[in-house]
Every structure is written in structure tokens, then in C-alpha cells.
Amino acid sequence: MNPLLELARQSIESYIKENKIINPPEKLTEEMQGRAGVFVSLKKKGDLRGCIGTFAPTTDNIAQEVIRNAIESATRDPRFPAVTIDEIPELEISVDVLTDPVKVASIKELDAKRFGIIVKSGMKRGLLLPDLAGVDTPEQQIAIAKRKAWISDDEPVEFYKFEVRRYK
């Protein structure tokens, strides 16, 4: 299993079973080093069970970002109740490490399979990861990201794209 996935699972198990936040390993693997935004997604029997992340780094390294967002995904996604101890073995975990967002001038620069998207209007921001089932076009990405951020169709928006390294 990939070290980021192991770290995410250990973080969730430790927090839910013992209410403890684990420390990153003393020796960080290559994928745990550096700083980046990270999303941790949880699925149970193929259905989304939690997804929380950061589009920019908020901690000292990717390992800390994974620990924080794994716990948040399991316990604080407002769409779902907190994961229970009994559910932990059934969780499918994926970790997306994001590149820095780049502003785009045109929708033609987007590709729903390759790039995630951030839509921004004033202080409102919506993000959608790339290569999601049922999301095949940039237009679909934009519509979903705008809904998530409560951005109406008549508000001016800026678009940003990013790529991910996905571990699952």
C-alpha cells in the first residue's frame, strides 16, 4: 500500500478509536515531503463517504496535510455523519496531492479528466477534483464547483486549474 494511503488510514483509525492525532513518520517518504494542497476522499461500497481537503498547503509538509485532512474527511464533512469504528475496515481511501492552481483565461484551457478546477467569485470559492465519475466536461465541472460555492450564474467568476497525483 502507498505510504500516503497508509498514513491516511492510520490517522483515521487512531482518531476514531482513541481520539488521538498521530504524528508524521520521523523519516518522511518522498511523497510526504514538500508542501501542497491535499484532498482525502473516502468511499464505502463505491459511494462517497467523505471528502475534505485544502487547495493550498496549510501545514509544514504533505504528511501533516494528509493526517489533518484524513481526520477531517472522516469526522467533519458536513454532508455525512462521522465515520464509526465499524465502518473503518470498509473504507476505500484516496489521496490527491494538488499542484499549485494556475489562472486560466478561457474554458478551452480546461480538461475535466486532466485538470481539477477552482471557481472564484469574490470571497466564494468552489473546487472540484479532476477525473470524477459522471463529470466529463469542463462545463459540468464549472457548474458543480459553482453550486458548491453558492455562486450564481450571473456572478463574475475566475477560473483556476490544477493537476493531481492521485493515490488509491
N, C-alpha and C. Protein backbone atom coordinates (compact mmCIF):
# COMPACT_ATOMS: atom_id res chain seq x y z
N MET A 1 0.85 -1.19 0.00
CA MET A 1 0.00 0.00 0.00
C MET A 1 0.89 1.24 0.00
N ASN A 2 0.45 2.27 -0.71
CA ASN A 2 1.21 3.52 -0.77
C ASN A 2 1.33 4.15 0.62
N PRO A 3 2.48 4.74 0.94
CA PRO A 3 2.67 5.35 2.26
C PRO A 3 1.65 6.45 2.60
N LEU A 4 1.21 7.21 1.61
CA LEU A 4 0.20 8.25 1.90
C LEU A 4 -1.14 7.63 2.27
N LEU A 5 -1.48 6.53 1.61
CA LEU A 5 -2.74 5.84 1.94
C LEU A 5 -2.66 5.20 3.32
N GLU A 6 -1.51 4.60 3.63
CA GLU A 6 -1.32 4.03 4.97
C GLU A 6 -1.43 5.11 6.04
N LEU A 7 -0.82 6.26 5.78
CA LEU A 7 -0.85 7.37 6.74
C LEU A 7 -2.29 7.87 6.94
N ALA A 8 -3.04 7.99 5.85
CA ALA A 8 -4.43 8.43 5.96
C ALA A 8 -5.25 7.43 6.79
N ARG A 9 -5.09 6.14 6.49
CA ARG A 9 -5.86 5.12 7.23
C ARG A 9 -5.47 5.11 8.71
N GLN A 10 -4.17 5.17 9.01
CA GLN A 10 -3.71 5.20 10.41
C GLN A 10 -4.26 6.43 11.13
N SER A 11 -4.31 7.56 10.44
CA SER A 11 -4.82 8.79 11.04
C SER A 11 -6.28 8.64 11.42
N ILE A 12 -7.07 8.09 10.51
CA ILE A 12 -8.50 7.90 10.76
C ILE A 12 -8.71 6.91 11.90
N GLU A 13 -8.01 5.77 11.84
CA GLU A 13 -8.17 4.75 12.88
C GLU A 13 -7.80 5.29 14.26
N SER A 14 -6.67 5.94 14.36
CA SER A 14 -6.20 6.46 15.64
C SER A 14 -7.17 7.50 16.21
N TYR A 15 -7.66 8.37 15.33
CA TYR A 15 -8.55 9.43 15.80
C TYR A 15 -9.90 8.87 16.23
N ILE A 16 -10.46 7.98 15.42
CA ILE A 16 -11.79 7.47 15.74
C ILE A 16 -11.76 6.49 16.91
N LYS A 17 -10.74 5.63 16.95
CA LYS A 17 -10.68 4.62 18.01
C LYS A 17 -10.17 5.19 19.34
N GLU A 18 -9.20 6.12 19.28
CA GLU A 18 -8.54 6.58 20.51
C GLU A 18 -8.58 8.09 20.72
N ASN A 19 -9.22 8.81 19.79
CA ASN A 19 -9.27 10.28 19.84
C ASN A 19 -7.87 10.89 19.87
N LYS A 20 -6.92 10.23 19.15
CA LYS A 20 -5.53 10.70 19.09
C LYS A 20 -5.18 11.10 17.67
N ILE A 21 -4.44 12.20 17.57
CA ILE A 21 -3.90 12.63 16.29
C ILE A 21 -2.46 12.13 16.22
N ILE A 22 -2.18 11.30 15.22
CA ILE A 22 -0.84 10.73 15.11
C ILE A 22 0.15 11.78 14.61
N ASN A 23 1.42 11.52 14.83
CA ASN A 23 2.49 12.35 14.28
C ASN A 23 2.94 11.76 12.96
N PRO A 24 3.46 12.61 12.07
CA PRO A 24 4.02 12.06 10.83
C PRO A 24 5.21 11.16 11.15
N PRO A 25 5.56 10.26 10.25
CA PRO A 25 6.74 9.43 10.47
C PRO A 25 7.98 10.31 10.65
N GLU A 26 8.94 9.83 11.42
CA GLU A 26 10.18 10.60 11.61
C GLU A 26 10.92 10.79 10.30
N LYS A 27 10.95 9.74 9.49
CA LYS A 27 11.60 9.84 8.18
C LYS A 27 10.49 9.86 7.13
N LEU A 28 10.31 11.02 6.51
CA LEU A 28 9.25 11.18 5.52
C LEU A 28 9.66 10.55 4.19
N THR A 29 8.74 9.80 3.59
CA THR A 29 8.98 9.28 2.24
C THR A 29 8.96 10.46 1.27
N GLU A 30 9.41 10.22 0.06
CA GLU A 30 9.48 11.30 -0.93
C GLU A 30 8.12 11.96 -1.15
N GLU A 31 7.05 11.13 -1.23
CA GLU A 31 5.73 11.73 -1.48
C GLU A 31 5.17 12.50 -0.29
N MET A 32 5.75 12.33 0.89
CA MET A 32 5.30 13.06 2.09
C MET A 32 6.01 14.39 2.28
N GLN A 33 7.08 14.60 1.53
CA GLN A 33 7.86 15.82 1.67
C GLN A 33 7.26 16.94 0.84
N GLY A 34 7.72 18.15 1.07
CA GLY A 34 7.23 19.28 0.32
C GLY A 34 5.91 19.77 0.88
N ARG A 35 5.40 20.81 0.26
CA ARG A 35 4.14 21.38 0.70
C ARG A 35 3.19 21.42 -0.49
N ALA A 36 1.94 21.07 -0.25
CA ALA A 36 0.93 21.07 -1.31
C ALA A 36 -0.45 20.98 -0.69
N GLY A 37 -1.44 21.41 -1.44
CA GLY A 37 -2.81 21.13 -1.06
C GLY A 37 -3.06 19.64 -1.21
N VAL A 38 -3.92 19.09 -0.36
CA VAL A 38 -4.20 17.66 -0.36
C VAL A 38 -5.68 17.44 -0.09
N PHE A 39 -6.28 16.53 -0.85
CA PHE A 39 -7.64 16.10 -0.58
C PHE A 39 -7.61 14.63 -0.21
N VAL A 40 -8.40 14.27 0.81
CA VAL A 40 -8.57 12.87 1.19
C VAL A 40 -10.04 12.53 0.96
N SER A 41 -10.27 11.53 0.12
CA SER A 41 -11.62 11.10 -0.21
C SER A 41 -11.86 9.71 0.37
N LEU A 42 -13.04 9.52 0.92
CA LEU A 42 -13.44 8.23 1.48
C LEU A 42 -14.66 7.72 0.74
N LYS A 43 -14.61 6.45 0.39
CA LYS A 43 -15.77 5.81 -0.21
C LYS A 43 -16.08 4.55 0.58
N LYS A 44 -17.34 4.19 0.58
CA LYS A 44 -17.80 2.95 1.22
C LYS A 44 -18.72 2.27 0.23
N LYS A 45 -18.35 1.06 -0.19
CA LYS A 45 -19.10 0.31 -1.20
C LYS A 45 -19.30 1.14 -2.47
N GLY A 46 -18.28 1.92 -2.83
CA GLY A 46 -18.31 2.71 -4.05
C GLY A 46 -18.97 4.07 -3.94
N ASP A 47 -19.63 4.34 -2.81
CA ASP A 47 -20.31 5.62 -2.63
C ASP A 47 -19.46 6.56 -1.78
N LEU A 48 -19.51 7.85 -2.13
CA LEU A 48 -18.76 8.84 -1.36
C LEU A 48 -19.18 8.80 0.10
N ARG A 49 -18.20 8.84 0.99
CA ARG A 49 -18.46 8.79 2.44
C ARG A 49 -17.84 10.00 3.16
N GLY A 50 -16.98 10.72 2.44
CA GLY A 50 -16.36 11.91 2.99
C GLY A 50 -15.28 12.41 2.06
N CYS A 51 -15.11 13.72 1.99
CA CYS A 51 -14.06 14.30 1.17
C CYS A 51 -13.78 15.70 1.68
N ILE A 52 -12.58 15.88 2.19
CA ILE A 52 -12.16 17.18 2.70
C ILE A 52 -10.72 17.41 2.23
N GLY A 53 -10.42 18.65 1.94
CA GLY A 53 -9.07 18.95 1.54
C GLY A 53 -8.78 20.42 1.52
N THR A 54 -7.56 20.71 1.10
CA THR A 54 -7.07 22.07 1.03
C THR A 54 -6.50 22.29 -0.37
N PHE A 55 -6.83 23.44 -0.98
CA PHE A 55 -6.31 23.68 -2.32
C PHE A 55 -4.92 24.29 -2.29
N ALA A 56 -4.51 24.75 -1.12
CA ALA A 56 -3.15 25.25 -0.90
C ALA A 56 -2.66 24.68 0.42
N PRO A 57 -1.35 24.55 0.60
CA PRO A 57 -0.84 23.96 1.84
C PRO A 57 -1.17 24.80 3.07
N THR A 58 -1.50 24.11 4.16
CA THR A 58 -1.79 24.79 5.43
C THR A 58 -0.88 24.28 6.55
N THR A 59 -0.04 23.30 6.24
CA THR A 59 0.86 22.70 7.23
C THR A 59 2.29 22.69 6.67
N ASP A 60 3.21 22.14 7.45
CA ASP A 60 4.62 22.15 7.08
C ASP A 60 4.99 21.17 5.98
N ASN A 61 4.20 20.11 5.81
CA ASN A 61 4.54 19.12 4.77
C ASN A 61 3.29 18.32 4.38
N ILE A 62 3.44 17.55 3.32
CA ILE A 62 2.32 16.76 2.80
C ILE A 62 1.85 15.74 3.82
N ALA A 63 2.75 15.15 4.58
CA ALA A 63 2.35 14.17 5.59
C ALA A 63 1.37 14.79 6.59
N GLN A 64 1.69 15.97 7.09
CA GLN A 64 0.80 16.64 8.05
C GLN A 64 -0.53 17.01 7.39
N GLU A 65 -0.47 17.40 6.14
CA GLU A 65 -1.69 17.75 5.39
C GLU A 65 -2.60 16.52 5.27
N VAL A 66 -1.99 15.35 4.98
CA VAL A 66 -2.76 14.10 4.86
C VAL A 66 -3.40 13.76 6.20
N ILE A 67 -2.64 13.83 7.29
CA ILE A 67 -3.18 13.49 8.61
C ILE A 67 -4.38 14.37 8.93
N ARG A 68 -4.21 15.67 8.77
CA ARG A 68 -5.28 16.62 9.08
C ARG A 68 -6.53 16.38 8.22
N ASN A 69 -6.32 16.23 6.91
CA ASN A 69 -7.47 16.12 6.02
C ASN A 69 -8.12 14.74 6.07
N ALA A 70 -7.37 13.70 6.42
CA ALA A 70 -7.98 12.38 6.60
C ALA A 70 -8.95 12.42 7.79
N ILE A 71 -8.51 13.01 8.88
CA ILE A 71 -9.38 13.11 10.07
C ILE A 71 -10.60 13.97 9.75
N GLU A 72 -10.37 15.10 9.10
CA GLU A 72 -11.49 15.99 8.74
C GLU A 72 -12.49 15.27 7.82
N SER A 73 -11.97 14.53 6.85
CA SER A 73 -12.83 13.82 5.91
C SER A 73 -13.70 12.79 6.62
N ALA A 74 -13.12 12.13 7.61
CA ALA A 74 -13.85 11.08 8.35
C ALA A 74 -14.80 11.64 9.40
N THR A 75 -14.55 12.86 9.86
CA THR A 75 -15.34 13.35 11.00
C THR A 75 -16.06 14.69 10.78
N ARG A 76 -15.67 15.45 9.76
CA ARG A 76 -16.23 16.79 9.66
C ARG A 76 -16.80 17.17 8.30
N ASP A 77 -16.97 16.21 7.40
CA ASP A 77 -17.63 16.53 6.14
C ASP A 77 -19.10 16.78 6.47
N PRO A 78 -19.60 17.99 6.21
CA PRO A 78 -20.97 18.33 6.62
C PRO A 78 -22.05 17.51 5.92
N ARG A 79 -21.69 16.82 4.87
CA ARG A 79 -22.68 16.02 4.14
C ARG A 79 -22.96 14.67 4.78
N PHE A 80 -22.09 14.26 5.73
CA PHE A 80 -22.18 12.91 6.28
C PHE A 80 -21.98 12.93 7.79
N PRO A 81 -22.54 11.93 8.48
CA PRO A 81 -22.18 11.78 9.90
C PRO A 81 -20.73 11.28 9.99
N ALA A 82 -20.14 11.44 11.15
CA ALA A 82 -18.76 10.97 11.35
C ALA A 82 -18.68 9.47 11.11
N VAL A 83 -17.56 9.03 10.56
CA VAL A 83 -17.31 7.60 10.35
C VAL A 83 -17.27 6.91 11.71
N THR A 84 -17.84 5.71 11.78
CA THR A 84 -17.83 4.94 13.02
C THR A 84 -16.71 3.90 12.98
N ILE A 85 -16.40 3.37 14.14
CA ILE A 85 -15.35 2.34 14.24
C ILE A 85 -15.68 1.16 13.32
N ASP A 86 -16.95 0.75 13.29
CA ASP A 86 -17.35 -0.39 12.47
C ASP A 86 -17.15 -0.17 10.98
N GLU A 87 -17.18 1.10 10.53
CA GLU A 87 -17.04 1.40 9.11
C GLU A 87 -15.59 1.40 8.62
N ILE A 88 -14.65 1.58 9.52
CA ILE A 88 -13.24 1.77 9.13
C ILE A 88 -12.75 0.68 8.17
N PRO A 89 -12.99 -0.62 8.44
CA PRO A 89 -12.47 -1.64 7.52
C PRO A 89 -13.05 -1.54 6.10
N GLU A 90 -14.24 -0.95 5.98
CA GLU A 90 -14.91 -0.87 4.68
C GLU A 90 -14.50 0.35 3.85
N LEU A 91 -13.74 1.26 4.44
CA LEU A 91 -13.41 2.50 3.75
C LEU A 91 -12.38 2.27 2.63
N GLU A 92 -12.69 2.85 1.49
CA GLU A 92 -11.73 2.94 0.39
C GLU A 92 -11.21 4.38 0.45
N ILE A 93 -9.91 4.54 0.53
CA ILE A 93 -9.32 5.86 0.72
C ILE A 93 -8.52 6.25 -0.52
N SER A 94 -8.67 7.49 -0.94
CA SER A 94 -7.78 8.02 -1.97
C SER A 94 -7.24 9.36 -1.48
N VAL A 95 -6.03 9.65 -1.90
CA VAL A 95 -5.34 10.89 -1.54
C VAL A 95 -4.94 11.58 -2.83
N ASP A 96 -5.34 12.84 -2.99
CA ASP A 96 -4.94 13.65 -4.13
C ASP A 96 -4.01 14.75 -3.66
N VAL A 97 -2.81 14.81 -4.23
CA VAL A 97 -1.86 15.87 -3.93
C VAL A 97 -1.93 16.85 -5.10
N LEU A 98 -2.25 18.10 -4.81
CA LEU A 98 -2.52 19.09 -5.85
C LEU A 98 -1.27 19.88 -6.23
N THR A 99 -1.21 20.24 -7.51
CA THR A 99 -0.22 21.21 -7.95
C THR A 99 -0.77 22.60 -7.62
N ASP A 100 0.08 23.61 -7.70
CA ASP A 100 -0.39 24.97 -7.48
C ASP A 100 -1.41 25.35 -8.55
N PRO A 101 -2.53 25.99 -8.15
CA PRO A 101 -3.53 26.41 -9.14
C PRO A 101 -2.95 27.49 -10.08
N VAL A 102 -3.38 27.42 -11.34
CA VAL A 102 -2.97 28.38 -12.36
C VAL A 102 -4.23 29.02 -12.93
N LYS A 103 -4.24 30.35 -12.98
CA LYS A 103 -5.41 31.05 -13.52
C LYS A 103 -5.52 30.77 -15.02
N VAL A 104 -6.75 30.55 -15.49
CA VAL A 104 -6.97 30.32 -16.91
C VAL A 104 -7.82 31.44 -17.48
N ALA A 105 -7.55 31.78 -18.73
CA ALA A 105 -8.27 32.86 -19.39
C ALA A 105 -9.51 32.37 -20.11
N SER A 106 -9.52 31.07 -20.44
CA SER A 106 -10.61 30.54 -21.25
C SER A 106 -10.95 29.11 -20.83
N ILE A 107 -12.21 28.78 -20.97
CA ILE A 107 -12.66 27.42 -20.69
C ILE A 107 -11.97 26.41 -21.60
N LYS A 108 -11.46 26.87 -22.75
CA LYS A 108 -10.77 25.99 -23.69
C LYS A 108 -9.49 25.41 -23.09
N GLU A 109 -8.97 26.02 -22.02
CA GLU A 109 -7.75 25.54 -21.37
C GLU A 109 -8.04 24.41 -20.37
N LEU A 110 -9.30 24.08 -20.18
CA LEU A 110 -9.69 23.08 -19.18
C LEU A 110 -9.92 21.72 -19.82
N ASP A 111 -9.75 20.68 -19.01
CA ASP A 111 -10.00 19.30 -19.42
C ASP A 111 -10.43 18.56 -18.15
N ALA A 112 -11.69 18.14 -18.10
CA ALA A 112 -12.27 17.55 -16.89
C ALA A 112 -11.55 16.29 -16.42
N LYS A 113 -10.90 15.58 -17.32
CA LYS A 113 -10.20 14.35 -16.94
C LYS A 113 -8.80 14.65 -16.40
N ARG A 114 -8.18 15.71 -16.91
CA ARG A 114 -6.80 16.02 -16.54
C ARG A 114 -6.68 17.05 -15.42
N PHE A 115 -7.53 18.07 -15.47
CA PHE A 115 -7.40 19.18 -14.53
C PHE A 115 -8.58 19.26 -13.56
N GLY A 116 -8.27 19.56 -12.30
CA GLY A 116 -9.29 19.98 -11.36
C GLY A 116 -9.54 21.47 -11.61
N ILE A 117 -10.60 21.98 -11.01
CA ILE A 117 -10.96 23.37 -11.24
C ILE A 117 -11.31 24.06 -9.93
N ILE A 118 -10.95 25.32 -9.87
CA ILE A 118 -11.41 26.20 -8.79
C ILE A 118 -12.14 27.35 -9.46
N VAL A 119 -13.35 27.62 -9.01
CA VAL A 119 -14.07 28.80 -9.47
C VAL A 119 -14.11 29.77 -8.29
N LYS A 120 -13.91 31.04 -8.61
CA LYS A 120 -13.82 32.05 -7.55
C LYS A 120 -14.65 33.26 -7.96
N SER A 121 -15.45 33.72 -7.01
CA SER A 121 -16.20 34.96 -7.19
C SER A 121 -16.15 35.70 -5.86
N GLY A 122 -15.39 36.79 -5.81
CA GLY A 122 -15.20 37.50 -4.54
C GLY A 122 -14.53 36.56 -3.55
N MET A 123 -15.16 36.40 -2.38
CA MET A 123 -14.61 35.52 -1.35
C MET A 123 -15.09 34.07 -1.48
N LYS A 124 -16.00 33.82 -2.39
CA LYS A 124 -16.56 32.47 -2.57
C LYS A 124 -15.68 31.66 -3.51
N ARG A 125 -15.41 30.41 -3.10
CA ARG A 125 -14.60 29.51 -3.92
C ARG A 125 -15.22 28.13 -3.92
N GLY A 126 -15.19 27.52 -5.08
CA GLY A 126 -15.62 26.13 -5.20
C GLY A 126 -14.56 25.35 -5.94
N LEU A 127 -14.31 24.13 -5.50
CA LEU A 127 -13.27 23.29 -6.09
C LEU A 127 -13.86 21.95 -6.47
N LEU A 128 -13.41 21.43 -7.58
CA LEU A 128 -13.78 20.08 -7.99
C LEU A 128 -12.52 19.38 -8.51
N LEU A 129 -12.29 18.18 -7.99
CA LEU A 129 -11.14 17.39 -8.40
C LEU A 129 -11.33 16.89 -9.83
N PRO A 130 -10.24 16.52 -10.52
CA PRO A 130 -10.37 16.00 -11.89
C PRO A 130 -10.76 14.53 -11.90
N ASP A 131 -11.17 14.11 -13.08
CA ASP A 131 -11.37 12.69 -13.38
C ASP A 131 -12.34 12.02 -12.40
N LEU A 132 -13.51 12.67 -12.22
CA LEU A 132 -14.55 12.11 -11.37
C LEU A 132 -15.61 11.42 -12.23
N ALA A 133 -16.15 10.32 -11.74
CA ALA A 133 -17.18 9.59 -12.47
C ALA A 133 -18.38 10.50 -12.73
N GLY A 134 -18.84 10.52 -13.96
CA GLY A 134 -20.02 11.30 -14.33
C GLY A 134 -19.74 12.76 -14.63
N VAL A 135 -18.49 13.18 -14.48
CA VAL A 135 -18.11 14.57 -14.81
C VAL A 135 -17.15 14.49 -15.99
N ASP A 136 -17.70 14.77 -17.18
CA ASP A 136 -16.93 14.54 -18.40
C ASP A 136 -16.49 15.81 -19.12
N THR A 137 -17.07 16.96 -18.76
CA THR A 137 -16.75 18.19 -19.48
C THR A 137 -16.39 19.31 -18.51
N PRO A 138 -15.62 20.29 -19.00
CA PRO A 138 -15.35 21.47 -18.16
C PRO A 138 -16.63 22.20 -17.75
N GLU A 139 -17.61 22.20 -18.60
CA GLU A 139 -18.88 22.87 -18.26
C GLU A 139 -19.54 22.21 -17.06
N GLN A 140 -19.51 20.87 -17.01
CA GLN A 140 -20.05 20.16 -15.85
C GLN A 140 -19.24 20.49 -14.60
N GLN A 141 -17.92 20.49 -14.72
CA GLN A 141 -17.06 20.84 -13.59
C GLN A 141 -17.41 22.22 -13.04
N ILE A 142 -17.51 23.18 -13.94
CA ILE A 142 -17.79 24.56 -13.54
C ILE A 142 -19.13 24.65 -12.83
N ALA A 143 -20.14 24.02 -13.39
CA ALA A 143 -21.48 24.07 -12.79
C ALA A 143 -21.47 23.48 -11.38
N ILE A 144 -20.81 22.35 -11.20
CA ILE A 144 -20.76 21.71 -9.87
C ILE A 144 -19.96 22.57 -8.89
N ALA A 145 -18.81 23.07 -9.33
CA ALA A 145 -17.97 23.90 -8.45
C ALA A 145 -18.70 25.18 -8.06
N LYS A 146 -19.44 25.77 -8.98
CA LYS A 146 -20.21 26.99 -8.66
C LYS A 146 -21.31 26.67 -7.64
N ARG A 147 -22.00 25.55 -7.82
CA ARG A 147 -23.04 25.14 -6.85
C ARG A 147 -22.45 24.96 -5.46
N LYS A 148 -21.30 24.30 -5.39
CA LYS A 148 -20.65 24.05 -4.10
C LYS A 148 -20.31 25.36 -3.39
N ALA A 149 -19.99 26.40 -4.17
CA ALA A 149 -19.58 27.68 -3.58
C ALA A 149 -20.74 28.67 -3.47
N TRP A 150 -21.92 28.26 -3.87
CA TRP A 150 -23.09 29.15 -3.86
C TRP A 150 -22.86 30.36 -4.76
N ILE A 151 -22.25 30.13 -5.92
CA ILE A 151 -22.02 31.19 -6.90
C ILE A 151 -23.12 31.08 -7.95
N SER A 152 -23.87 32.16 -8.13
CA SER A 152 -24.95 32.14 -9.12
C SER A 152 -24.39 32.37 -10.53
N ASP A 153 -25.22 32.04 -11.53
CA ASP A 153 -24.77 32.12 -12.91
C ASP A 153 -24.49 33.55 -13.36
N ASP A 154 -25.08 34.53 -12.68
CA ASP A 154 -24.87 35.92 -13.11
C ASP A 154 -23.69 36.61 -12.41
N GLU A 155 -23.00 35.88 -11.52
CA GLU A 155 -21.84 36.46 -10.84
C GLU A 155 -20.59 36.28 -11.69
N PRO A 156 -19.72 37.29 -11.71
CA PRO A 156 -18.46 37.12 -12.45
C PRO A 156 -17.57 36.11 -11.74
N VAL A 157 -16.90 35.26 -12.50
CA VAL A 157 -16.04 34.23 -11.90
C VAL A 157 -14.67 34.23 -12.56
N GLU A 158 -13.71 33.79 -11.76
CA GLU A 158 -12.37 33.49 -12.26
C GLU A 158 -12.21 31.98 -12.19
N PHE A 159 -11.45 31.44 -13.13
CA PHE A 159 -11.19 30.00 -13.16
C PHE A 159 -9.71 29.73 -12.93
N TYR A 160 -9.45 28.68 -12.17
CA TYR A 160 -8.09 28.20 -11.95
C TYR A 160 -8.08 26.70 -12.20
N LYS A 161 -6.99 26.20 -12.75
CA LYS A 161 -6.88 24.75 -12.96
C LYS A 161 -5.67 24.25 -12.17
N PHE A 162 -5.73 22.96 -11.88
CA PHE A 162 -4.62 22.31 -11.20
C PHE A 162 -4.62 20.84 -11.60
N GLU A 163 -3.49 20.19 -11.39
CA GLU A 163 -3.39 18.75 -11.63
C GLU A 163 -3.21 18.06 -10.28
N VAL A 164 -3.40 16.76 -10.27
CA VAL A 164 -3.24 16.00 -9.02
C VAL A 164 -2.39 14.76 -9.29
N ARG A 165 -1.71 14.34 -8.22
CA ARG A 165 -1.14 13.00 -8.15
C ARG A 165 -2.12 12.23 -7.27
N ARG A 166 -2.80 11.27 -7.86
CA ARG A 166 -3.84 10.52 -7.13
C ARG A 166 -3.29 9.17 -6.68
N TYR A 167 -3.47 8.92 -5.40
CA TYR A 167 -3.07 7.64 -4.80
C TYR A 167 -4.33 6.94 -4.33
N LYS A 168 -4.53 5.68 -4.78
CA LYS A 168 -5.70 4.94 -4.33
C LYS A 168 -5.45 3.46 -4.30
